[in-house]
Every structure is written in C-alpha cells, then in structure tokens.
Amino acid sequence: MPLYIRPAVESDMAAVGRIATDAFKDTLSTVLFPAHLRPADQPDLDEQPAWRAARTWRRMGEGMPTMVAVDTIDGHETVVAFAQWDKPHVAGTAPPTMESKRDGDPITLDKTALAAIYVIMEAETERLIGPTAHYDLWYLLILTVDPRHHRRGIGKMLVRWGLEQAAAEKKGVFLSASPAGKPMYQSLGFRDLGAFEMLGLPHYTMLWEPENEK
C-alpha cells in the first residue's frame, strides 16, 4: 500500500492521540497514567488520546514542525504515524521550560511523574550534550508508529524528513531513544552519547551530525 508523509493538520489529531497512546501503553504510559488514578466508578476511563492530541496541536501552534505518515488503503487515507520536532532556538535564548503547565491536566495523569520526566530529560541533555549546545540543534520530540504498521520503514521516513531539514541548515539533531528504537536511529547515523534511566525505564541520548560538521 502506498505511503507518503505530509504536514499534520488539525483533523489528524484524533489519530495522533490514538497512535501515541497505543505506542506508549506498555512503557511510559504505565507511569504517567497509572491504574490507581482512574475513578472507582470509571475503571476504563482513558484520557490519554485526547490529552496527547491536544498537546500535539498546542505544540504545532507554537511552531513545532509535525509530520504524519499516511497509508492509502482501498482509496482511503489513514494516518499511521507521526513525528514532532523542536527547531533550534534563537541564539542566546533558552527554550520554554515546564511545558506541562501549558496543557490541561487530566485527572488520571500523574503530574508528579510528568514533571519528573521533564527534569530528568533536561538534566541528561545538559550532561551529555552541554548546558546550551542543544539549543542549536533540532530535537525529535516524539516519533510514534501505529503498532499495526511496524516494520514498514515508516519511522525512518519520518526521521529522514527531519534530518533533511537539519542538514539544509547545517544543524545537528538529538533525541532520546528507547532500547527498541535505538537500532533504527543508529542505522540512520545517530551516535549513542550515553544511557540514563527515566522513572525506571532505560533511554539513550543520541546525536546526528551533518557530514560537513563531523
């Protein structure tokens, strides 16, 4: 089935929320949306899709490039993956902090765990890349592929788009990878700068540099 990528639009957000929820359900979501926070009278309440969709749309409004992968199935287009990026920041300025304060707080979200993730990510980025060097890099905020469409090269398609943008600006790219995602990033030329734990889950800070800056 033909695949292509394009910029995300508002009508994609429901699919984006669902895909992100499915992709992280066995990893970070177990920490961010623990079962004990669900109301006793709503044990199946799932606020993740709407929350993830809303924050993706909010980030888009702040200028963060967001691409979706679309599969054409029987003449119908279905969003099967997405990637969101943060571009380099203006020299001398730092990116906004404590992003969670700008999003609504679902009752089933563990806000302490979310705040801890931001603190850990910032600390590890500064430790492995430098206190300010990462401001001048592209950052892959999130890459998720519908689990039903794994092993089709969709993740690579979306990452290559970002690498092309960064290379055109002679900028590098960094990200935090899970053990499952690390081999794909390495195949695209990312270097493993070091490992760290995020709420008990292993992650790796990885860096890609354009050839003329290596």
C-alpha atoms as a PDB file:
ATOM      1  CA  MET A   1       0.000   0.000   0.000  1.00  0.00           C
ATOM      2  CA  PRO A   2       1.481   3.397  -0.962  1.00  0.00           C
ATOM      3  CA  LEU A   3       2.801   5.510   1.889  1.00  0.00           C
ATOM      4  CA  TYR A   4       3.603   9.196   1.938  1.00  0.00           C
ATOM      5  CA  ILE A   5       4.314  11.884   4.512  1.00  0.00           C
ATOM      6  CA  ARG A   6       2.850  15.375   4.792  1.00  0.00           C
ATOM      7  CA  PRO A   7       2.465  18.153   7.364  1.00  0.00           C
ATOM      8  CA  ALA A   8      -0.094  17.362  10.055  1.00  0.00           C
ATOM      9  CA  VAL A   9      -3.388  19.245  10.204  1.00  0.00           C
ATOM     10  CA  GLU A  10      -5.975  19.618  12.956  1.00  0.00           C
ATOM     11  CA  SER A  11      -8.160  16.826  11.592  1.00  0.00           C
ATOM     12  CA  ASP A  12      -5.252  14.403  12.138  1.00  0.00           C
ATOM     13  CA  MET A  13      -5.175  14.951  15.884  1.00  0.00           C
ATOM     14  CA  ALA A  14      -7.621  12.200  16.845  1.00  0.00           C
ATOM     15  CA  ALA A  15      -5.451   9.657  15.019  1.00  0.00           C
ATOM     16  CA  VAL A  16      -2.302  11.178  16.523  1.00  0.00           C
ATOM     17  CA  GLY A  17      -3.700  10.818  20.044  1.00  0.00           C
ATOM     18  CA  ARG A  18      -4.701   7.223  19.464  1.00  0.00           C
ATOM     19  CA  ILE A  19      -1.377   6.233  17.877  1.00  0.00           C
ATOM     20  CA  ALA A  20       0.668   7.807  20.672  1.00  0.00           C
ATOM     21  CA  THR A  21      -1.486   6.126  23.307  1.00  0.00           C
ATOM     22  CA  ASP A  22      -1.081   2.716  21.679  1.00  0.00           C
ATOM     23  CA  ALA A  23       2.664   3.182  21.148  1.00  0.00           C
ATOM     24  CA  PHE A  24       3.450   4.040  24.772  1.00  0.00           C
ATOM     25  CA  LYS A  25       0.884   1.887  26.577  1.00  0.00           C
ATOM     26  CA  ASP A  26       3.469  -0.623  27.816  1.00  0.00           C
ATOM     27  CA  THR A  27       6.229   1.864  28.652  1.00  0.00           C
ATOM     28  CA  LEU A  28       5.930   5.473  29.842  1.00  0.00           C
ATOM     29  CA  SER A  29       2.150   5.426  29.907  1.00  0.00           C
ATOM     30  CA  THR A  30       2.214   2.872  32.714  1.00  0.00           C
ATOM     31  CA  VAL A  31       3.947   5.559  34.779  1.00  0.00           C
ATOM     32  CA  LEU A  32       2.103   8.639  33.519  1.00  0.00           C
ATOM     33  CA  PHE A  33      -1.392   7.150  33.615  1.00  0.00           C
ATOM     34  CA  PRO A  34      -1.332   4.542  36.405  1.00  0.00           C
ATOM     35  CA  ALA A  35      -4.442   2.481  37.005  1.00  0.00           C
ATOM     36  CA  HIS A  36      -4.859   3.709  40.582  1.00  0.00           C
ATOM     37  CA  LEU A  37      -5.672   7.251  39.390  1.00  0.00           C
ATOM     38  CA  ARG A  38      -8.758   6.160  37.485  1.00  0.00           C
ATOM     39  CA  PRO A  39     -12.028   6.906  39.312  1.00  0.00           C
ATOM     40  CA  ALA A  40     -13.520   3.869  41.028  1.00  0.00           C
ATOM     41  CA  ASP A  41     -16.747   4.359  39.096  1.00  0.00           C
ATOM     42  CA  GLN A  42     -14.858   4.710  35.764  1.00  0.00           C
ATOM     43  CA  PRO A  43     -12.213   1.971  35.790  1.00  0.00           C
ATOM     44  CA  ASP A  44     -11.909   2.057  31.987  1.00  0.00           C
ATOM     45  CA  LEU A  45     -11.532   5.838  31.694  1.00  0.00           C
ATOM     46  CA  ASP A  46      -8.780   6.627  29.167  1.00  0.00           C
ATOM     47  CA  GLU A  47      -7.905  10.306  28.911  1.00  0.00           C
ATOM     48  CA  GLN A  48      -4.624   9.726  27.110  1.00  0.00           C
ATOM     49  CA  PRO A  49      -5.736  10.070  23.472  1.00  0.00           C
ATOM     50  CA  ALA A  50      -7.394  13.453  23.992  1.00  0.00           C
ATOM     51  CA  TRP A  51      -4.503  14.735  26.127  1.00  0.00           C
ATOM     52  CA  ARG A  52      -1.854  13.622  23.647  1.00  0.00           C
ATOM     53  CA  ALA A  53      -3.820  15.063  20.726  1.00  0.00           C
ATOM     54  CA  ALA A  54      -4.283  18.411  22.488  1.00  0.00           C
ATOM     55  CA  ARG A  55      -0.620  18.826  23.417  1.00  0.00           C
ATOM     56  CA  THR A  56       0.493  17.873  19.891  1.00  0.00           C
ATOM     57  CA  TRP A  57      -1.847  20.507  18.449  1.00  0.00           C
ATOM     58  CA  ARG A  58      -0.723  23.085  21.013  1.00  0.00           C
ATOM     59  CA  ARG A  59       2.933  22.448  20.115  1.00  0.00           C
ATOM     60  CA  MET A  60       2.098  22.835  16.433  1.00  0.00           C
ATOM     61  CA  GLY A  61       0.619  26.230  17.226  1.00  0.00           C
ATOM     62  CA  GLU A  62       3.931  27.141  18.833  1.00  0.00           C
ATOM     63  CA  GLY A  63       5.732  26.418  15.568  1.00  0.00           C
ATOM     64  CA  MET A  64       6.936  22.861  16.108  1.00  0.00           C
ATOM     65  CA  PRO A  65       7.026  21.017  12.755  1.00  0.00           C
ATOM     66  CA  THR A  66       4.815  17.940  12.780  1.00  0.00           C
ATOM     67  CA  MET A  67       4.645  15.359  10.005  1.00  0.00           C
ATOM     68  CA  VAL A  68       2.294  12.423   9.597  1.00  0.00           C
ATOM     69  CA  ALA A  69       2.706   9.253   7.560  1.00  0.00           C
ATOM     70  CA  VAL A  70      -0.384   8.366   5.561  1.00  0.00           C
ATOM     71  CA  ASP A  71      -1.310   4.971   4.157  1.00  0.00           C
ATOM     72  CA  THR A  72      -3.769   4.755   1.282  1.00  0.00           C
ATOM     73  CA  ILE A  73      -5.994   1.780   1.938  1.00  0.00           C
ATOM     74  CA  ASP A  74      -8.706   0.965  -0.608  1.00  0.00           C
ATOM     75  CA  GLY A  75      -8.732   4.573  -1.689  1.00  0.00           C
ATOM     76  CA  HIS A  76      -8.986   5.857   1.877  1.00  0.00           C
ATOM     77  CA  GLU A  77      -6.204   7.737   3.643  1.00  0.00           C
ATOM     78  CA  THR A  78      -5.254   6.617   7.142  1.00  0.00           C
ATOM     79  CA  VAL A  79      -2.709   8.321   9.409  1.00  0.00           C
ATOM     80  CA  VAL A  80      -0.414   5.560  10.689  1.00  0.00           C
ATOM     81  CA  ALA A  81       2.442   7.501  12.325  1.00  0.00           C
ATOM     82  CA  PHE A  82       3.661  10.960  13.232  1.00  0.00           C
ATOM     83  CA  ALA A  83       6.774  12.812  14.300  1.00  0.00           C
ATOM     84  CA  GLN A  84       7.077  16.175  16.009  1.00  0.00           C
ATOM     85  CA  TRP A  85      10.198  18.318  16.111  1.00  0.00           C
ATOM     86  CA  ASP A  86      11.529  21.305  18.004  1.00  0.00           C
ATOM     87  CA  LYS A  87      13.678  23.580  15.857  1.00  0.00           C
ATOM     88  CA  PRO A  88      16.888  25.275  17.042  1.00  0.00           C
ATOM     89  CA  HIS A  89      16.278  28.290  19.235  1.00  0.00           C
ATOM     90  CA  VAL A  90      17.425  31.825  18.579  1.00  0.00           C
ATOM     91  CA  ALA A  91      20.980  32.418  19.776  1.00  0.00           C
ATOM     92  CA  GLY A  92      21.069  33.497  23.398  1.00  0.00           C
ATOM     93  CA  THR A  93      17.585  32.286  24.231  1.00  0.00           C
ATOM     94  CA  ALA A  94      16.541  29.128  26.006  1.00  0.00           C
ATOM     95  CA  PRO A  95      13.529  27.019  25.060  1.00  0.00           C
ATOM     96  CA  PRO A  96      10.420  27.250  27.268  1.00  0.00           C
ATOM     97  CA  THR A  97      10.546  25.118  30.400  1.00  0.00           C
ATOM     98  CA  MET A  98       7.933  23.143  32.297  1.00  0.00           C
ATOM     99  CA  GLU A  99       5.849  22.506  29.222  1.00  0.00           C
ATOM    100  CA  SER A 100       3.282  20.631  31.287  1.00  0.00           C
ATOM    101  CA  LYS A 101       1.987  23.900  32.750  1.00  0.00           C
ATOM    102  CA  ARG A 102       0.609  24.829  29.325  1.00  0.00           C
ATOM    103  CA  ASP A 103      -1.509  21.689  28.942  1.00  0.00           C
ATOM    104  CA  GLY A 104      -4.707  20.661  30.646  1.00  0.00           C
ATOM    105  CA  ASP A 105      -4.353  18.163  33.463  1.00  0.00           C
ATOM    106  CA  PRO A 106      -6.463  15.008  33.114  1.00  0.00           C
ATOM    107  CA  ILE A 107      -7.451  13.563  36.473  1.00  0.00           C
ATOM    108  CA  THR A 108      -5.773  10.270  35.538  1.00  0.00           C
ATOM    109  CA  LEU A 109      -2.406  11.895  34.741  1.00  0.00           C
ATOM    110  CA  ASP A 110       0.333  11.554  37.351  1.00  0.00           C
ATOM    111  CA  LYS A 111       1.512  15.158  37.311  1.00  0.00           C
ATOM    112  CA  THR A 112       4.457  14.459  39.613  1.00  0.00           C
ATOM    113  CA  ALA A 113       5.745  11.775  37.258  1.00  0.00           C
ATOM    114  CA  LEU A 114       5.358  14.074  34.247  1.00  0.00           C
ATOM    115  CA  ALA A 115       7.268  16.868  35.980  1.00  0.00           C
ATOM    116  CA  ALA A 116       9.993  14.375  36.904  1.00  0.00           C
ATOM    117  CA  ILE A 117      10.336  13.339  33.253  1.00  0.00           C
ATOM    118  CA  TYR A 118      10.944  16.942  32.187  1.00  0.00           C
ATOM    119  CA  VAL A 119      13.565  17.413  34.906  1.00  0.00           C
ATOM    120  CA  ILE A 120      15.360  14.177  34.003  1.00  0.00           C
ATOM    121  CA  MET A 121      15.310  14.904  30.277  1.00  0.00           C
ATOM    122  CA  GLU A 122      16.728  18.391  30.735  1.00  0.00           C
ATOM    123  CA  ALA A 123      19.420  17.220  33.156  1.00  0.00           C
ATOM    124  CA  GLU A 124      20.549  14.357  30.932  1.00  0.00           C
ATOM    125  CA  THR A 125      20.580  16.540  27.825  1.00  0.00           C
ATOM    126  CA  GLU A 126      22.769  19.090  29.578  1.00  0.00           C
ATOM    127  CA  ARG A 127      25.046  16.349  30.941  1.00  0.00           C
ATOM    128  CA  LEU A 128      25.575  14.587  27.617  1.00  0.00           C
ATOM    129  CA  ILE A 129      25.362  17.452  25.113  1.00  0.00           C
ATOM    130  CA  GLY A 130      26.072  20.576  27.141  1.00  0.00           C
ATOM    131  CA  PRO A 131      24.210  23.293  29.051  1.00  0.00           C
ATOM    132  CA  THR A 132      23.352  25.332  25.955  1.00  0.00           C
ATOM    133  CA  ALA A 133      24.720  23.442  22.919  1.00  0.00           C
ATOM    134  CA  HIS A 134      21.423  21.626  22.432  1.00  0.00           C
ATOM    135  CA  TYR A 135      19.625  24.938  21.835  1.00  0.00           C
ATOM    136  CA  ASP A 136      21.333  24.996  18.416  1.00  0.00           C
ATOM    137  CA  LEU A 137      20.138  21.514  17.423  1.00  0.00           C
ATOM    138  CA  TRP A 138      16.949  20.071  16.013  1.00  0.00           C
ATOM    139  CA  TYR A 139      15.199  17.879  18.574  1.00  0.00           C
ATOM    140  CA  LEU A 140      12.920  14.946  17.825  1.00  0.00           C
ATOM    141  CA  LEU A 141      10.251  15.384  20.484  1.00  0.00           C
ATOM    142  CA  ILE A 142       8.247  12.302  19.609  1.00  0.00           C
ATOM    143  CA  LEU A 143       8.062   9.609  16.952  1.00  0.00           C
ATOM    144  CA  THR A 144       5.271   7.059  17.094  1.00  0.00           C
ATOM    145  CA  VAL A 145       4.089   4.442  14.631  1.00  0.00           C
ATOM    146  CA  ASP A 146       0.816   2.550  14.855  1.00  0.00           C
ATOM    147  CA  PRO A 147       1.882  -0.883  16.185  1.00  0.00           C
ATOM    148  CA  ARG A 148      -0.111  -2.498  13.373  1.00  0.00           C
ATOM    149  CA  HIS A 149       2.209  -0.840  10.847  1.00  0.00           C
ATOM    150  CA  HIS A 150       5.619  -1.640  12.312  1.00  0.00           C
ATOM    151  CA  ARG A 151       8.468  -2.918  10.118  1.00  0.00           C
ATOM    152  CA  ARG A 152       7.416  -0.959   7.053  1.00  0.00           C
ATOM    153  CA  GLY A 153      10.125   1.695   7.259  1.00  0.00           C
ATOM    154  CA  ILE A 154       7.649   4.356   8.327  1.00  0.00           C
ATOM    155  CA  GLY A 155       9.704   5.565  11.276  1.00  0.00           C
ATOM    156  CA  LYS A 156      12.743   6.017   9.053  1.00  0.00           C
ATOM    157  CA  MET A 157      10.710   8.007   6.533  1.00  0.00           C
ATOM    158  CA  LEU A 158       9.665  10.469   9.205  1.00  0.00           C
ATOM    159  CA  VAL A 159      13.116  10.769  10.774  1.00  0.00           C
ATOM    160  CA  ARG A 160      14.777  11.305   7.392  1.00  0.00           C
ATOM    161  CA  TRP A 161      12.474  14.277   6.815  1.00  0.00           C
ATOM    162  CA  GLY A 162      13.839  15.919   9.945  1.00  0.00           C
ATOM    163  CA  LEU A 163      17.433  15.075   9.046  1.00  0.00           C
ATOM    164  CA  GLU A 164      16.960  16.743   5.676  1.00  0.00           C
ATOM    165  CA  GLN A 165      15.668  19.922   7.342  1.00  0.00           C
ATOM    166  CA  ALA A 166      18.564  19.952   9.789  1.00  0.00           C
ATOM    167  CA  ALA A 167      21.168  19.256   7.095  1.00  0.00           C
ATOM    168  CA  ALA A 168      19.838  22.134   4.996  1.00  0.00           C
ATOM    169  CA  GLU A 169      20.523  24.412   7.978  1.00  0.00           C
ATOM    170  CA  LYS A 170      23.850  22.677   8.766  1.00  0.00           C
ATOM    171  CA  LYS A 171      22.453  21.711  12.155  1.00  0.00           C
ATOM    172  CA  GLY A 172      22.620  18.510  14.151  1.00  0.00           C
ATOM    173  CA  VAL A 173      19.741  16.504  15.613  1.00  0.00           C
ATOM    174  CA  PHE A 174      19.358  14.955  19.054  1.00  0.00           C
ATOM    175  CA  LEU A 175      16.771  12.734  20.671  1.00  0.00           C
ATOM    176  CA  SER A 176      16.120  10.300  23.488  1.00  0.00           C
ATOM    177  CA  ALA A 177      15.655   6.720  22.319  1.00  0.00           C
ATOM    178  CA  SER A 178      14.185   3.651  23.946  1.00  0.00           C
ATOM    179  CA  PRO A 179      16.034   0.323  23.632  1.00  0.00           C
ATOM    180  CA  ALA A 180      13.550  -0.692  20.928  1.00  0.00           C
ATOM    181  CA  GLY A 181      14.135   2.445  18.882  1.00  0.00           C
ATOM    182  CA  LYS A 182      17.900   2.729  19.310  1.00  0.00           C
ATOM    183  CA  PRO A 183      18.922   0.371  16.437  1.00  0.00           C
ATOM    184  CA  MET A 184      16.843   2.307  13.913  1.00  0.00           C
ATOM    185  CA  TYR A 185      18.426   5.603  14.890  1.00  0.00           C
ATOM    186  CA  GLN A 186      21.892   4.068  14.721  1.00  0.00           C
ATOM    187  CA  SER A 187      21.125   2.844  11.195  1.00  0.00           C
ATOM    188  CA  LEU A 188      20.415   6.472  10.257  1.00  0.00           C
ATOM    189  CA  GLY A 189      23.761   7.686  11.571  1.00  0.00           C
ATOM    190  CA  PHE A 190      22.940   8.693  15.151  1.00  0.00           C
ATOM    191  CA  ARG A 191      25.616   8.205  17.806  1.00  0.00           C
ATOM    192  CA  ASP A 192      24.823   6.955  21.301  1.00  0.00           C
ATOM    193  CA  LEU A 193      26.111   9.594  23.723  1.00  0.00           C
ATOM    194  CA  GLY A 194      25.116   7.760  26.877  1.00  0.00           C
ATOM    195  CA  ALA A 195      22.398   5.914  28.727  1.00  0.00           C
ATOM    196  CA  PHE A 196      20.142   7.076  31.539  1.00  0.00           C
ATOM    197  CA  GLU A 197      17.068   5.902  33.407  1.00  0.00           C
ATOM    198  CA  MET A 198      13.777   7.715  33.262  1.00  0.00           C
ATOM    199  CA  LEU A 199      11.432   6.561  36.017  1.00  0.00           C
ATOM    200  CA  GLY A 200      12.939   3.085  35.866  1.00  0.00           C
ATOM    201  CA  LEU A 201      12.922   2.840  32.066  1.00  0.00           C
ATOM    202  CA  PRO A 202      16.219   2.861  30.093  1.00  0.00           C
ATOM    203  CA  HIS A 203      16.794   5.570  27.474  1.00  0.00           C
ATOM    204  CA  TYR A 204      19.693   6.778  25.351  1.00  0.00           C
ATOM    205  CA  THR A 205      20.647  10.299  24.326  1.00  0.00           C
ATOM    206  CA  MET A 206      21.582  10.174  20.643  1.00  0.00           C
ATOM    207  CA  LEU A 207      23.126  12.727  18.289  1.00  0.00           C
ATOM    208  CA  TRP A 208      23.216  13.045  14.499  1.00  0.00           C
ATOM    209  CA  GLU A 209      25.539  15.489  12.780  1.00  0.00           C
ATOM    210  CA  PRO A 210      25.591  16.524   9.119  1.00  0.00           C
ATOM    211  CA  GLU A 211      28.625  15.181   7.273  1.00  0.00           C
ATOM    212  CA  ASN A 212      30.209  18.561   6.760  1.00  0.00           C
ATOM    213  CA  GLU A 213      30.272  19.170  10.514  1.00  0.00           C
ATOM    214  CA  LYS A 214      31.655  15.802  11.636  1.00  0.00           C
END
